[in-house]
C-alpha atoms as a PDB file:
ATOM      1  CA  MET A   1      -6.276 -25.938  -8.574  1.00  0.00           C
ATOM      2  CA  GLU A   2      -9.012 -26.950  -6.278  1.00  0.00           C
ATOM      3  CA  ASP A   3     -12.673 -25.262  -6.591  1.00  0.00           C
ATOM      4  CA  LYS A   4     -13.644 -23.610  -3.568  1.00  0.00           C
ATOM      5  CA  LYS A   5     -17.242 -22.549  -2.486  1.00  0.00           C
ATOM      6  CA  ILE A   6     -14.772 -19.108  -1.944  1.00  0.00           C
ATOM      7  CA  THR A   7     -12.403 -17.387  -3.891  1.00  0.00           C
ATOM      8  CA  VAL A   8     -10.607 -14.525  -2.212  1.00  0.00           C
ATOM      9  CA  PHE A   9      -8.027 -12.515  -4.619  1.00  0.00           C
ATOM     10  CA  CYS A  10      -6.113  -9.756  -2.804  1.00  0.00           C
ATOM     11  CA  GLY A  11      -2.709  -7.859  -3.695  1.00  0.00           C
ATOM     12  CA  HIS A  12      -0.860  -5.221  -4.065  1.00  0.00           C
ATOM     13  CA  TYR A  13      -1.905  -1.702  -6.330  1.00  0.00           C
ATOM     14  CA  GLY A  14      -1.349  -3.000  -9.453  1.00  0.00           C
ATOM     15  CA  SER A  15      -0.956  -6.723  -9.129  1.00  0.00           C
ATOM     16  CA  GLY A  16      -3.716  -7.221 -11.450  1.00  0.00           C
ATOM     17  CA  LYS A  17      -5.822  -9.236  -9.134  1.00  0.00           C
ATOM     18  CA  THR A  18      -9.026  -8.036 -10.859  1.00  0.00           C
ATOM     19  CA  ASN A  19      -8.342  -9.677 -13.795  1.00  0.00           C
ATOM     20  CA  VAL A  20      -7.074 -12.485 -12.209  1.00  0.00           C
ATOM     21  CA  ALA A  21     -10.686 -12.755 -10.544  1.00  0.00           C
ATOM     22  CA  ILE A  22     -12.266 -11.871 -13.988  1.00  0.00           C
ATOM     23  CA  ASN A  23     -10.186 -14.492 -16.068  1.00  0.00           C
ATOM     24  CA  TYR A  24     -11.449 -16.778 -12.578  1.00  0.00           C
ATOM     25  CA  ALA A  25     -14.825 -16.526 -12.724  1.00  0.00           C
ATOM     26  CA  PHE A  26     -15.371 -16.796 -16.339  1.00  0.00           C
ATOM     27  CA  ASP A  27     -13.275 -20.402 -15.801  1.00  0.00           C
ATOM     28  CA  LEU A  28     -15.618 -21.305 -13.011  1.00  0.00           C
ATOM     29  CA  LYS A  29     -18.582 -20.797 -14.926  1.00  0.00           C
ATOM     30  CA  LYS A  30     -17.068 -23.881 -17.515  1.00  0.00           C
ATOM     31  CA  ARG A  31     -18.104 -26.219 -14.446  1.00  0.00           C
ATOM     32  CA  HIS A  32     -20.546 -24.711 -12.416  1.00  0.00           C
ATOM     33  CA  GLU A  33     -24.068 -23.126 -13.051  1.00  0.00           C
ATOM     34  CA  SER A  34     -24.057 -20.562 -10.086  1.00  0.00           C
ATOM     35  CA  VAL A  35     -21.005 -18.286  -9.961  1.00  0.00           C
ATOM     36  CA  SER A  36     -20.492 -14.815  -8.457  1.00  0.00           C
ATOM     37  CA  ILE A  37     -17.925 -12.183  -8.267  1.00  0.00           C
ATOM     38  CA  LEU A  38     -17.961  -9.805  -5.868  1.00  0.00           C
ATOM     39  CA  ASP A  39     -16.180  -6.299  -5.781  1.00  0.00           C
ATOM     40  CA  LEU A  40     -14.649  -5.310  -3.023  1.00  0.00           C
ATOM     41  CA  ASP A  41     -12.489  -3.079  -4.353  1.00  0.00           C
ATOM     42  CA  ILE A  42     -13.122   0.096  -2.262  1.00  0.00           C
ATOM     43  CA  VAL A  43      -9.764   2.015  -3.004  1.00  0.00           C
ATOM     44  CA  ASN A  44      -9.088   1.586  -6.767  1.00  0.00           C
ATOM     45  CA  PRO A  45     -11.872   3.331  -8.845  1.00  0.00           C
ATOM     46  CA  TYR A  46     -10.320   2.954 -12.295  1.00  0.00           C
ATOM     47  CA  PHE A  47     -10.626  -0.765 -13.207  1.00  0.00           C
ATOM     48  CA  ARG A  48     -13.068  -2.661 -11.873  1.00  0.00           C
ATOM     49  CA  THR A  49     -15.523  -5.945 -12.506  1.00  0.00           C
ATOM     50  CA  LYS A  50     -17.918  -3.273 -13.258  1.00  0.00           C
ATOM     51  CA  ASP A  51     -16.265  -2.628 -16.389  1.00  0.00           C
ATOM     52  CA  SER A  52     -16.681  -6.566 -17.416  1.00  0.00           C
ATOM     53  CA  GLU A  53     -20.309  -6.173 -16.728  1.00  0.00           C
ATOM     54  CA  LYS A  54     -21.576  -7.033 -20.218  1.00  0.00           C
ATOM     55  CA  GLU A  55     -19.602 -10.193 -20.327  1.00  0.00           C
ATOM     56  CA  PHE A  56     -20.707 -11.349 -16.876  1.00  0.00           C
ATOM     57  CA  ASN A  57     -24.442 -11.060 -18.214  1.00  0.00           C
ATOM     58  CA  GLU A  58     -23.646 -12.759 -20.933  1.00  0.00           C
ATOM     59  CA  LYS A  59     -22.276 -15.745 -19.146  1.00  0.00           C
ATOM     60  CA  GLY A  60     -24.598 -15.899 -16.411  1.00  0.00           C
ATOM     61  CA  ILE A  61     -22.605 -14.630 -13.827  1.00  0.00           C
ATOM     62  CA  GLU A  62     -23.343 -12.702 -11.363  1.00  0.00           C
ATOM     63  CA  LEU A  63     -22.291  -9.381 -10.418  1.00  0.00           C
ATOM     64  CA  ILE A  64     -22.081  -7.785  -6.858  1.00  0.00           C
ATOM     65  CA  CYS A  65     -20.679  -4.526  -6.185  1.00  0.00           C
ATOM     66  CA  SER A  66     -21.087  -0.666  -4.887  1.00  0.00           C
ATOM     67  CA  SER A  67     -23.545   1.121  -7.475  1.00  0.00           C
ATOM     68  CA  TYR A  68     -20.564   3.847  -7.670  1.00  0.00           C
ATOM     69  CA  ALA A  69     -18.239   1.829  -9.126  1.00  0.00           C
ATOM     70  CA  ALA A  70     -17.585   2.372 -12.683  1.00  0.00           C
ATOM     71  CA  SER A  71     -17.690   6.107 -11.835  1.00  0.00           C
ATOM     72  CA  ASN A  72     -16.008   9.173 -10.786  1.00  0.00           C
ATOM     73  CA  LEU A  73     -17.512   8.545  -7.355  1.00  0.00           C
ATOM     74  CA  ASP A  74     -15.167   6.490  -4.765  1.00  0.00           C
ATOM     75  CA  ILE A  75     -17.187   5.977  -1.534  1.00  0.00           C
ATOM     76  CA  PRO A  76     -16.314   3.277   0.556  1.00  0.00           C
ATOM     77  CA  ALA A  77     -20.014   1.355   0.563  1.00  0.00           C
ATOM     78  CA  LEU A  78     -20.807  -1.976   0.049  1.00  0.00           C
ATOM     79  CA  PRO A  79     -24.598  -2.724  -0.593  1.00  0.00           C
ATOM     80  CA  SER A  80     -26.228  -5.682   1.716  1.00  0.00           C
ATOM     81  CA  GLU A  81     -26.666  -7.726  -1.486  1.00  0.00           C
ATOM     82  CA  MET A  82     -23.038  -8.582  -0.502  1.00  0.00           C
ATOM     83  CA  TYR A  83     -23.777 -11.107   1.841  1.00  0.00           C
ATOM     84  CA  ALA A  84     -26.400 -13.087  -0.489  1.00  0.00           C
ATOM     85  CA  PRO A  85     -24.077 -15.547  -1.897  1.00  0.00           C
ATOM     86  CA  PHE A  86     -22.614 -16.794   1.557  1.00  0.00           C
ATOM     87  CA  CYS A  87     -25.837 -18.097   1.942  1.00  0.00           C
ATOM     88  CA  ARG A  88     -26.345 -20.549  -1.433  1.00  0.00           C
ATOM     89  CA  LYS A  89     -24.920 -24.158  -0.885  1.00  0.00           C
ATOM     90  CA  ASP A  90     -24.505 -24.529  -4.843  1.00  0.00           C
ATOM     91  CA  ASN A  91     -22.679 -21.232  -5.395  1.00  0.00           C
ATOM     92  CA  TYR A  92     -19.638 -20.412  -6.005  1.00  0.00           C
ATOM     93  CA  SER A  93     -18.296 -17.098  -5.499  1.00  0.00           C
ATOM     94  CA  VAL A  94     -15.254 -15.379  -6.542  1.00  0.00           C
ATOM     95  CA  LEU A  95     -14.008 -11.917  -4.343  1.00  0.00           C
ATOM     96  CA  ASP A  96     -11.775  -9.120  -5.646  1.00  0.00           C
ATOM     97  CA  ILE A  97     -10.515  -6.859  -2.730  1.00  0.00           C
ATOM     98  CA  GLY A  98      -8.586  -3.750  -2.555  1.00  0.00           C
ATOM     99  CA  GLY A  99      -4.879  -3.241  -2.512  1.00  0.00           C
ATOM    100  CA  ASP A 100      -2.923  -3.490   0.861  1.00  0.00           C
ATOM    101  CA  ASP A 101      -4.242  -3.921   4.168  1.00  0.00           C
ATOM    102  CA  ARG A 102      -6.331  -1.118   3.773  1.00  0.00           C
ATOM    103  CA  GLY A 103      -8.976  -2.591   1.003  1.00  0.00           C
ATOM    104  CA  ALA A 104      -8.775  -5.558   3.230  1.00  0.00           C
ATOM    105  CA  VAL A 105     -10.060  -4.095   5.962  1.00  0.00           C
ATOM    106  CA  ALA A 106     -13.568  -4.265   3.484  1.00  0.00           C
ATOM    107  CA  LEU A 107     -13.014  -8.303   4.101  1.00  0.00           C
ATOM    108  CA  GLY A 108     -12.678  -8.472   7.110  1.00  0.00           C
ATOM    109  CA  ARG A 109     -16.388  -7.705   7.509  1.00  0.00           C
ATOM    110  CA  PHE A 110     -17.055 -10.991   5.821  1.00  0.00           C
ATOM    111  CA  SER A 111     -14.308 -12.554   7.564  1.00  0.00           C
ATOM    112  CA  GLU A 112     -16.120 -14.861   9.675  1.00  0.00           C
ATOM    113  CA  LEU A 113     -18.732 -15.890   6.983  1.00  0.00           C
ATOM    114  CA  ILE A 114     -15.844 -17.429   4.995  1.00  0.00           C
ATOM    115  CA  LYS A 115     -14.168 -19.186   8.032  1.00  0.00           C
ATOM    116  CA  LYS A 116     -17.320 -20.570   8.603  1.00  0.00           C
ATOM    117  CA  SER A 117     -17.791 -21.877   5.094  1.00  0.00           C
ATOM    118  CA  GLY A 118     -14.548 -24.153   5.475  1.00  0.00           C
ATOM    119  CA  ASP A 119     -14.392 -24.181   1.901  1.00  0.00           C
ATOM    120  CA  TYR A 120     -12.433 -21.414   0.847  1.00  0.00           C
ATOM    121  CA  SER A 121      -9.087 -20.299  -1.216  1.00  0.00           C
ATOM    122  CA  MET A 122      -7.407 -16.803   0.190  1.00  0.00           C
ATOM    123  CA  LEU A 123      -4.776 -16.071  -2.796  1.00  0.00           C
ATOM    124  CA  PHE A 124      -1.901 -13.307  -2.693  1.00  0.00           C
ATOM    125  CA  VAL A 125      -1.359 -12.282  -5.841  1.00  0.00           C
ATOM    126  CA  VAL A 126       2.036 -10.869  -6.567  1.00  0.00           C
ATOM    127  CA  ASN A 127       3.608  -8.747 -10.025  1.00  0.00           C
ATOM    128  CA  PHE A 128       7.181  -8.548  -8.710  1.00  0.00           C
ATOM    129  CA  TYR A 129       7.488  -5.644 -11.634  1.00  0.00           C
ATOM    130  CA  ARG A 130       5.482  -3.849  -9.357  1.00  0.00           C
ATOM    131  CA  PRO A 131       6.556  -0.857  -6.785  1.00  0.00           C
ATOM    132  CA  LEU A 132       6.973  -2.338  -3.438  1.00  0.00           C
ATOM    133  CA  THR A 133       6.857  -5.816  -4.107  1.00  0.00           C
ATOM    134  CA  GLN A 134       9.998  -5.878  -6.456  1.00  0.00           C
ATOM    135  CA  THR A 135      11.277  -8.768  -3.833  1.00  0.00           C
ATOM    136  CA  SER A 136      10.300 -11.350  -1.702  1.00  0.00           C
ATOM    137  CA  GLU A 137      10.632 -10.396   1.158  1.00  0.00           C
ATOM    138  CA  GLU A 138       8.978  -7.120   0.277  1.00  0.00           C
ATOM    139  CA  ALA A 139       5.850  -9.022  -1.597  1.00  0.00           C
ATOM    140  CA  LEU A 140       5.900 -11.056   2.477  1.00  0.00           C
ATOM    141  CA  GLU A 141       5.616  -7.436   3.759  1.00  0.00           C
ATOM    142  CA  VAL A 142       2.329  -6.821   2.121  1.00  0.00           C
ATOM    143  CA  MET A 143       0.963 -10.141   2.485  1.00  0.00           C
ATOM    144  CA  ARG A 144       1.481  -9.413   6.075  1.00  0.00           C
ATOM    145  CA  GLU A 145      -0.696  -6.512   6.352  1.00  0.00           C
ATOM    146  CA  ILE A 146      -3.274  -7.724   4.157  1.00  0.00           C
ATOM    147  CA  GLU A 147      -3.874 -10.933   6.467  1.00  0.00           C
ATOM    148  CA  ASN A 148      -3.727  -8.194  10.043  1.00  0.00           C
ATOM    149  CA  ALA A 149      -6.073  -6.468   7.998  1.00  0.00           C
ATOM    150  CA  CYS A 150      -8.796  -9.142   7.742  1.00  0.00           C
ATOM    151  CA  SER A 151      -8.310 -11.726  10.231  1.00  0.00           C
ATOM    152  CA  LEU A 152      -8.013 -14.048   7.467  1.00  0.00           C
ATOM    153  CA  SER A 153      -4.714 -16.095   6.339  1.00  0.00           C
ATOM    154  CA  PHE A 154      -3.329 -16.757   2.833  1.00  0.00           C
ATOM    155  CA  THR A 155      -3.410 -19.893   1.562  1.00  0.00           C
ATOM    156  CA  GLY A 156      -1.664 -19.343  -1.769  1.00  0.00           C
ATOM    157  CA  ILE A 157       0.177 -17.399  -4.125  1.00  0.00           C
ATOM    158  CA  VAL A 158      -0.147 -16.291  -7.651  1.00  0.00           C
ATOM    159  CA  ASN A 159       2.359 -14.813  -9.884  1.00  0.00           C
ATOM    160  CA  ASN A 160       0.888 -12.389 -11.589  1.00  0.00           C
ATOM    161  CA  SER A 161       4.387 -10.644 -12.477  1.00  0.00           C
ATOM    162  CA  ASN A 162       3.993  -8.851 -16.074  1.00  0.00           C
ATOM    163  CA  VAL A 163       4.820  -5.315 -17.592  1.00  0.00           C
ATOM    164  CA  GLY A 164       1.694  -5.231 -19.578  1.00  0.00           C
ATOM    165  CA  VAL A 165       1.478  -5.876 -23.151  1.00  0.00           C
ATOM    166  CA  GLN A 166       4.784  -5.776 -23.508  1.00  0.00           C
ATOM    167  CA  THR A 167       5.441  -9.289 -20.913  1.00  0.00           C
ATOM    168  CA  ASN A 168       7.300 -12.188 -23.064  1.00  0.00           C
ATOM    169  CA  LYS A 169       8.471 -15.793 -22.028  1.00  0.00           C
ATOM    170  CA  GLU A 170      11.147 -14.338 -20.496  1.00  0.00           C
ATOM    171  CA  TYR A 171       9.554 -11.384 -18.228  1.00  0.00           C
ATOM    172  CA  ILE A 172       7.740 -14.585 -16.753  1.00  0.00           C
ATOM    173  CA  GLU A 173      10.364 -16.882 -16.560  1.00  0.00           C
ATOM    174  CA  GLN A 174      13.071 -14.132 -14.733  1.00  0.00           C
ATOM    175  CA  THR A 175      10.736 -14.328 -11.500  1.00  0.00           C
ATOM    176  CA  PHE A 176      10.448 -17.961 -10.871  1.00  0.00           C
ATOM    177  CA  SER A 177      13.309 -17.567  -8.364  1.00  0.00           C
ATOM    178  CA  HIS A 178      10.827 -14.514  -6.686  1.00  0.00           C
ATOM    179  CA  VAL A 179       8.297 -16.645  -6.579  1.00  0.00           C
ATOM    180  CA  GLN A 180       9.971 -19.704  -4.989  1.00  0.00           C
ATOM    181  CA  LYS A 181      11.682 -17.559  -2.227  1.00  0.00           C
ATOM    182  CA  LEU A 182       8.170 -16.106  -2.019  1.00  0.00           C
ATOM    183  CA  CYS A 183       6.412 -19.402  -1.062  1.00  0.00           C
ATOM    184  CA  GLU A 184       9.329 -20.728   1.255  1.00  0.00           C
ATOM    185  CA  LEU A 185       9.082 -17.407   3.192  1.00  0.00           C
ATOM    186  CA  SER A 186       5.133 -17.807   3.762  1.00  0.00           C
ATOM    187  CA  SER A 187       5.160 -21.814   3.713  1.00  0.00           C
ATOM    188  CA  LEU A 188       2.183 -21.430   1.032  1.00  0.00           C
ATOM    189  CA  PRO A 189       2.066 -23.275  -2.340  1.00  0.00           C
ATOM    190  CA  LEU A 190       2.406 -21.524  -5.479  1.00  0.00           C
ATOM    191  CA  VAL A 191      -1.465 -22.896  -6.831  1.00  0.00           C
ATOM    192  CA  MET A 192      -1.113 -20.684 -10.296  1.00  0.00           C
ATOM    193  CA  THR A 193       0.943 -18.754 -12.728  1.00  0.00           C
ATOM    194  CA  THR A 194      -0.705 -16.368 -15.023  1.00  0.00           C
ATOM    195  CA  VAL A 195       0.184 -16.203 -18.667  1.00  0.00           C
ATOM    196  CA  ARG A 196      -1.497 -13.986 -21.146  1.00  0.00           C
ATOM    197  CA  ASP A 197      -3.629 -16.391 -23.603  1.00  0.00           C
ATOM    198  CA  ASP A 198      -1.438 -15.587 -26.868  1.00  0.00           C
ATOM    199  CA  LEU A 199       1.742 -17.050 -24.656  1.00  0.00           C
ATOM    200  CA  SER A 200       0.178 -19.952 -23.333  1.00  0.00           C
ATOM    201  CA  LYS A 201       1.886 -22.609 -25.446  1.00  0.00           C
ATOM    202  CA  GLN A 202       4.926 -21.075 -24.745  1.00  0.00           C
ATOM    203  CA  PHE A 203       4.597 -22.771 -21.074  1.00  0.00           C
ATOM    204  CA  GLU A 204       3.059 -25.908 -21.432  1.00  0.00           C
ATOM    205  CA  ASP A 205       5.583 -27.423 -19.760  1.00  0.00           C
ATOM    206  CA  ILE A 206       5.295 -25.599 -16.241  1.00  0.00           C
ATOM    207  CA  GLU A 207       2.285 -27.020 -13.828  1.00  0.00           C
ATOM    208  CA  ASN A 208      -0.464 -24.642 -12.860  1.00  0.00           C
ATOM    209  CA  VAL A 209      -0.236 -22.114 -15.381  1.00  0.00           C
ATOM    210  CA  PHE A 210      -3.639 -19.942 -15.818  1.00  0.00           C
ATOM    211  CA  SER A 211      -4.040 -18.175 -19.006  1.00  0.00           C
ATOM    212  CA  LEU A 212      -5.728 -14.907 -18.889  1.00  0.00           C
ATOM    213  CA  THR A 213      -7.316 -12.565 -21.431  1.00  0.00           C
ATOM    214  CA  LEU A 214      -6.999  -9.061 -20.695  1.00  0.00           C
ATOM    215  CA  GLN A 215      -9.772  -7.065 -20.146  1.00  0.00           C
ATOM    216  CA  LYS A 216     -10.627  -3.757 -21.761  1.00  0.00           C
ATOM    217  CA  THR A 217     -11.542  -0.829 -19.332  1.00  0.00           C
ATOM    218  CA  ILE A 218     -14.570   2.172 -18.765  1.00  0.00           C
ATOM    219  CA  LEU A 219     -12.269   4.461 -17.195  1.00  0.00           C
ATOM    220  CA  GLY A 220      -9.239   4.907 -19.807  1.00  0.00           C
ATOM    221  CA  GLY A 221     -10.030   2.177 -22.459  1.00  0.00           C
END
């Protein structure tokens, strides 16, 4: 997957997009000096990038999020600092967007800046084991809702299908036909298949495999 100055991760509730966004920011930092991660998830207060703040600080990654993140308050407020990374030519930004069309409304505030950059990816994170995205057709419907809400079109698909710690190779392989059909229906490429780090060696023959380290949450462990 080619590095872009702006990489946006969107998906349905529970798709795992936050975990993917965090891992991708860590991966970007291996190749670029200035990396920021922006938490635009104003919908889900339970697992946010704020939970990994210590790791971001240790790796020198800038975290920009609502001051209410990782609290019991869920106030849809976005700080003005959110706009800063878009103004830095040497910066690579990763955006974590809230689930579905309601969360994508927040992204709409930045859509013109993102388009103007001309150097971005907007990736749909899908987990075919989650409710309402268990078929290619259902996933496509969610994709279109998000696109309509934020006035941006997806450029690729991330297969993040899993069943948590119970996930094994077979669970992931069973979704290959679903994601292939989704790619056909949407005319978009599959840019990444995520695999938990301890399973990655079992997928060495698969292209575009991205190894994930599962992040712990502040709320709920």
